[in-house]
C-alpha atoms as a PDB file:
ATOM      1  CA  MET A   1       0.033  -0.004  -0.263  1.00  0.00           C
ATOM      2  CA  ILE A   2       0.914   3.343  -0.547  1.00  0.00           C
ATOM      3  CA  LYS A   3       1.818   5.495   2.379  1.00  0.00           C
ATOM      4  CA  PHE A   4       2.268   8.897   0.870  1.00  0.00           C
ATOM      5  CA  VAL A   5       3.509  11.176  -1.940  1.00  0.00           C
ATOM      6  CA  ILE A   6       6.031  13.883  -1.786  1.00  0.00           C
ATOM      7  CA  MET A   7       7.185  15.581  -4.564  1.00  0.00           C
ATOM      8  CA  VAL A   8      10.116  18.388  -3.330  1.00  0.00           C
ATOM      9  CA  ASN A   9      12.948  20.296  -4.883  1.00  0.00           C
ATOM     10  CA  ARG A  10      16.940  20.222  -4.491  1.00  0.00           C
ATOM     11  CA  GLN A  11      16.915  22.437  -1.457  1.00  0.00           C
ATOM     12  CA  GLY A  12      14.213  20.926  -0.029  1.00  0.00           C
ATOM     13  CA  ARG A  13      10.992  22.280   0.038  1.00  0.00           C
ATOM     14  CA  VAL A  14       8.075  20.182  -0.218  1.00  0.00           C
ATOM     15  CA  ARG A  15       6.122  21.005  -3.810  1.00  0.00           C
ATOM     16  CA  LEU A  16       3.070  18.690  -2.452  1.00  0.00           C
ATOM     17  CA  SER A  17       2.309  16.693  -0.009  1.00  0.00           C
ATOM     18  CA  ARG A  18      -1.300  13.840  -0.354  1.00  0.00           C
ATOM     19  CA  PHE A  19      -0.721  10.920   2.925  1.00  0.00           C
ATOM     20  CA  TYR A  20      -3.171   8.171   2.837  1.00  0.00           C
ATOM     21  CA  GLN A  21      -3.480   7.089   6.525  1.00  0.00           C
ATOM     22  CA  GLN A  22      -4.055   9.224   9.144  1.00  0.00           C
ATOM     23  CA  VAL A  23      -1.113  11.452  10.347  1.00  0.00           C
ATOM     24  CA  ASP A  24      -0.833  14.084  12.767  1.00  0.00           C
ATOM     25  CA  ARG A  25       1.068  17.997  11.183  1.00  0.00           C
ATOM     26  CA  LYS A  26       3.911  17.367  13.973  1.00  0.00           C
ATOM     27  CA  ARG A  27       4.279  13.534  12.749  1.00  0.00           C
ATOM     28  CA  ARG A  28       3.538  14.468   9.393  1.00  0.00           C
ATOM     29  CA  ALA A  29       6.323  17.785   9.298  1.00  0.00           C
ATOM     30  CA  ALA A  30       9.088  16.263  11.266  1.00  0.00           C
ATOM     31  CA  LEU A  31       7.935  12.784   8.757  1.00  0.00           C
ATOM     32  CA  GLU A  32       8.802  14.401   5.618  1.00  0.00           C
ATOM     33  CA  ALA A  33      11.481  16.811   6.759  1.00  0.00           C
ATOM     34  CA  ASP A  34      13.569  13.084   7.623  1.00  0.00           C
ATOM     35  CA  VAL A  35      12.177  12.161   4.176  1.00  0.00           C
ATOM     36  CA  VAL A  36      13.247  15.015   2.685  1.00  0.00           C
ATOM     37  CA  ARG A  37      16.540  14.740   4.092  1.00  0.00           C
ATOM     38  CA  CYS A  38      16.975  10.732   3.288  1.00  0.00           C
ATOM     39  CA  CYS A  39      16.825  10.704   0.220  1.00  0.00           C
ATOM     40  CA  LEU A  40      18.508  14.253  -0.687  1.00  0.00           C
ATOM     41  CA  SER A  41      21.438  12.952   1.146  1.00  0.00           C
ATOM     42  CA  ARG A  42      22.214   9.779  -1.325  1.00  0.00           C
ATOM     43  CA  ARG A  43      24.438  10.060  -4.682  1.00  0.00           C
ATOM     44  CA  ARG A  44      23.005   9.523  -8.374  1.00  0.00           C
ATOM     45  CA  ASP A  45      23.954   5.815  -7.995  1.00  0.00           C
ATOM     46  CA  GLN A  46      23.150   5.025  -4.971  1.00  0.00           C
ATOM     47  CA  CYS A  47      19.907   2.292  -5.573  1.00  0.00           C
ATOM     48  CA  SER A  48      16.193   4.506  -5.286  1.00  0.00           C
ATOM     49  CA  PHE A  49      14.501   2.420  -3.107  1.00  0.00           C
ATOM     50  CA  VAL A  50      15.264   2.621   0.863  1.00  0.00           C
ATOM     51  CA  GLU A  51      14.468   1.443   3.718  1.00  0.00           C
ATOM     52  CA  TYR A  52      13.060   3.518   6.101  1.00  0.00           C
ATOM     53  CA  LYS A  53      11.731   3.061  10.066  1.00  0.00           C
ATOM     54  CA  ASP A  54       9.274   0.743   8.783  1.00  0.00           C
ATOM     55  CA  PHE A  55       8.380   1.254   5.027  1.00  0.00           C
ATOM     56  CA  ARG A  56      10.213   1.454   2.011  1.00  0.00           C
ATOM     57  CA  LEU A  57      10.598   4.858   0.105  1.00  0.00           C
ATOM     58  CA  VAL A  58      10.943   4.638  -3.189  1.00  0.00           C
ATOM     59  CA  TYR A  59      12.336   7.334  -5.143  1.00  0.00           C
ATOM     60  CA  ARG A  60      12.991   9.329  -8.258  1.00  0.00           C
ATOM     61  CA  GLN A  61      14.218  12.625  -9.317  1.00  0.00           C
ATOM     62  CA  TYR A  62      13.189  14.939 -12.233  1.00  0.00           C
ATOM     63  CA  ALA A  63      15.497  17.712 -12.657  1.00  0.00           C
ATOM     64  CA  ALA A  64      15.252  20.131  -9.849  1.00  0.00           C
ATOM     65  CA  LEU A  65      12.548  17.608  -8.380  1.00  0.00           C
ATOM     66  CA  PHE A  66      12.471  14.489  -6.600  1.00  0.00           C
ATOM     67  CA  ILE A  67       9.449  12.272  -6.069  1.00  0.00           C
ATOM     68  CA  VAL A  68       9.282  10.218  -2.575  1.00  0.00           C
ATOM     69  CA  VAL A  69       6.513   7.519  -2.244  1.00  0.00           C
ATOM     70  CA  GLY A  70       5.671   5.751   1.180  1.00  0.00           C
ATOM     71  CA  VAL A  71       5.297   1.995   0.509  1.00  0.00           C
ATOM     72  CA  SER A  72       4.404  -0.640   2.787  1.00  0.00           C
ATOM     73  CA  GLY A  73       6.553  -3.944   2.444  1.00  0.00           C
ATOM     74  CA  GLY A  74       4.850  -5.825   0.477  1.00  0.00           C
ATOM     75  CA  GLU A  75       4.074  -2.808  -1.927  1.00  0.00           C
ATOM     76  CA  ASN A  76       6.707  -4.176  -5.521  1.00  0.00           C
ATOM     77  CA  GLU A  77       9.343  -1.364  -5.371  1.00  0.00           C
ATOM     78  CA  LEU A  78      10.096  -1.440  -9.681  1.00  0.00           C
ATOM     79  CA  ALA A  79       5.794  -0.784  -9.979  1.00  0.00           C
ATOM     80  CA  VAL A  80       5.974   1.528  -7.482  1.00  0.00           C
ATOM     81  CA  TYR A  81       9.042   2.933  -9.535  1.00  0.00           C
ATOM     82  CA  GLU A  82       7.648   3.047 -12.597  1.00  0.00           C
ATOM     83  CA  LEU A  83       4.258   4.797 -11.280  1.00  0.00           C
ATOM     84  CA  LEU A  84       6.193   7.724 -10.121  1.00  0.00           C
ATOM     85  CA  HIS A  85       7.345   8.174 -13.561  1.00  0.00           C
ATOM     86  CA  ASN A  86       3.492   7.844 -15.519  1.00  0.00           C
ATOM     87  CA  PHE A  87       3.136  10.372 -13.260  1.00  0.00           C
ATOM     88  CA  VAL A  88       5.604  12.471 -14.283  1.00  0.00           C
ATOM     89  CA  GLU A  89       4.295  11.538 -18.229  1.00  0.00           C
ATOM     90  CA  VAL A  90       1.428  12.401 -17.463  1.00  0.00           C
ATOM     91  CA  LEU A  91       2.290  15.590 -16.401  1.00  0.00           C
ATOM     92  CA  ASP A  92       4.324  16.307 -19.004  1.00  0.00           C
ATOM     93  CA  LYS A  93       1.524  15.832 -21.444  1.00  0.00           C
ATOM     94  CA  TYR A  94      -0.818  18.495 -19.348  1.00  0.00           C
ATOM     95  CA  PHE A  95       1.420  20.828 -18.603  1.00  0.00           C
ATOM     96  CA  SER A  96       4.149  20.575 -22.179  1.00  0.00           C
ATOM     97  CA  ARG A  97       6.706  19.898 -20.150  1.00  0.00           C
ATOM     98  CA  VAL A  98       6.627  20.219 -16.779  1.00  0.00           C
ATOM     99  CA  SER A  99       8.108  22.939 -15.066  1.00  0.00           C
ATOM    100  CA  GLU A 100       8.018  23.080 -10.934  1.00  0.00           C
ATOM    101  CA  LEU A 101       6.224  26.044 -11.806  1.00  0.00           C
ATOM    102  CA  ASP A 102       3.816  24.417 -13.269  1.00  0.00           C
ATOM    103  CA  ILE A 103       3.485  22.812 -10.042  1.00  0.00           C
ATOM    104  CA  MET A 104       3.551  25.411  -7.875  1.00  0.00           C
ATOM    105  CA  PHE A 105       0.983  26.997  -9.658  1.00  0.00           C
ATOM    106  CA  ASN A 106      -1.720  24.660 -10.469  1.00  0.00           C
ATOM    107  CA  LEU A 107      -1.050  22.595  -7.207  1.00  0.00           C
ATOM    108  CA  ASP A 108      -4.903  22.186  -7.408  1.00  0.00           C
ATOM    109  CA  ARG A 109      -4.435  20.593 -11.170  1.00  0.00           C
ATOM    110  CA  VAL A 110      -1.974  18.019  -9.502  1.00  0.00           C
ATOM    111  CA  HIS A 111      -3.931  16.649  -6.891  1.00  0.00           C
ATOM    112  CA  VAL A 112      -6.146  15.672  -9.627  1.00  0.00           C
ATOM    113  CA  ILE A 113      -3.998  13.119 -11.727  1.00  0.00           C
ATOM    114  CA  LEU A 114      -1.992  12.196  -8.433  1.00  0.00           C
ATOM    115  CA  ASP A 115      -6.459  11.360  -7.288  1.00  0.00           C
ATOM    116  CA  GLU A 116      -6.887  10.005 -10.879  1.00  0.00           C
ATOM    117  CA  MET A 117      -4.059   7.646 -10.428  1.00  0.00           C
ATOM    118  CA  ILE A 118      -4.016   6.663  -6.438  1.00  0.00           C
ATOM    119  CA  GLN A 119      -7.025   6.301  -4.163  1.00  0.00           C
ATOM    120  CA  ASN A 120      -6.897   5.362  -0.848  1.00  0.00           C
ATOM    121  CA  GLY A 121      -3.070   3.940  -0.792  1.00  0.00           C
ATOM    122  CA  LYS A 122      -4.350   1.574  -4.392  1.00  0.00           C
ATOM    123  CA  VAL A 123      -2.780   2.113  -7.821  1.00  0.00           C
ATOM    124  CA  VAL A 124      -6.666   2.360  -9.755  1.00  0.00           C
ATOM    125  CA  GLU A 125      -5.724   4.151 -13.055  1.00  0.00           C
ATOM    126  CA  THR A 126      -2.625   4.066 -15.247  1.00  0.00           C
ATOM    127  CA  ASN A 127      -4.183   5.530 -18.246  1.00  0.00           C
ATOM    128  CA  LYS A 128      -2.809   8.900 -19.274  1.00  0.00           C
ATOM    129  CA  ILE A 129      -6.202   9.313 -21.575  1.00  0.00           C
ATOM    130  CA  ASN A 130      -8.229   8.269 -18.374  1.00  0.00           C
ATOM    131  CA  VAL A 131      -6.455  10.416 -16.070  1.00  0.00           C
ATOM    132  CA  LEU A 132      -6.464  13.127 -18.253  1.00  0.00           C
ATOM    133  CA  ALA A 133      -9.930  12.877 -18.449  1.00  0.00           C
ATOM    134  CA  PRO A 134     -11.546  15.362 -15.500  1.00  0.00           C
ATOM    135  CA  LEU A 135      -9.095  17.733 -16.415  1.00  0.00           C
ATOM    136  CA  ALA A 136     -10.452  18.449 -19.870  1.00  0.00           C
ATOM    137  CA  ALA A 137     -13.447  18.158 -18.558  1.00  0.00           C
ATOM    138  CA  LEU A 138     -13.257  21.470 -16.012  1.00  0.00           C
ATOM    139  CA  ASP A 139     -10.885  23.089 -19.148  1.00  0.00           C
ATOM    140  CA  LYS A 140     -13.286  23.164 -21.132  1.00  0.00           C
ATOM    141  CA  MET A 141     -16.083  24.215 -18.961  1.00  0.00           C
ATOM    142  CA  ALA A 142     -13.609  27.090 -17.662  1.00  0.00           C
ATOM    143  CA  ALA A 143     -13.374  28.258 -21.122  1.00  0.00           C
ATOM    144  CA  ASP A 144     -16.984  27.543 -21.523  1.00  0.00           C
ATOM    145  CA  GLY A 145     -18.013  29.523 -18.994  1.00  0.00           C
ATOM    146  CA  SER A 146     -15.060  32.155 -19.858  1.00  0.00           C
ATOM    147  CA  GLN A 147     -17.474  33.615 -22.816  1.00  0.00           C
END
């Protein structure tokens, strides 16, 4: 099961975090800081799977952004690793070469994409067209409403 998804830049600033289990605010902030520190301190030639407390971290770096996923022990790390790449491909398709600024200024859209792909800690959709369908509908309604 996926426990959380965190997107962070090289400076350690969290740009997106989604938790799929209840975590109180203090523990959440400490967990985010610790996870970010752990992943950012690793070298490029090290494995992208890290044992961390009672779960595993799977992360990928894309330009200046790291995407980190915390998973339970029974989860397939390679499948999660590929899910991260699929997530970035969907973001690229929607934003036409996604950047950190796209994420910062369109956080609601990024959350919609993530929520279409993962619900309650389970992967529910990976097809790019199906993931982007709700955003296409929202964008069409926004365009129709502005005319």
